[in-house]
Amino acid sequence: MTVRHKSAQVAGVMLGIFFLAGCENPTHQAAVARRQDNLNATLSMLAAIEANRPQQLDATSRMIAERHQQDVANNQHLPAALEQALREEFERFDRESPQSQREIQRQIEGNTDNIEQTLPHVLY
């Protein structure tokens, strides 16, 4: 029998003696009473949480609805702003497109030795 196994047996015997003899032992009775009090406190907390759950769900639902209304109100301008930004981008492209095309053509036609180096920069 190994030392580890023997110490586990001794611990088991000691616990058994404590629990068997503990019914009359004041230390055991105090531990059981403390455990019972803790269990009762935990159950009371859980009961209070469960009793409040419907109100908490209602409050959470109201908060979600309010936040949604705020988001809708705060973001009503976004479609118009997006449309304006796209319009400006297309106008800029139309305005700058001839200049960009001229620059591309100048760079490509200017020096054929540089096409292999220049074209990737122009395209990408």
Foldseek 3Di string as FASTA:
>chain_A
DDPVVVVVVVVVVVVVCCVVVVVPPPVSVVVVVVVVVVVVVVVVVVVVCVVCVVVVVVVVVVVVVVVVVVVCVVCVCVVVVVVVVVVVVVVVCVVCVVVLVVVVCCVCPVDVVCCVVVVVVSVD
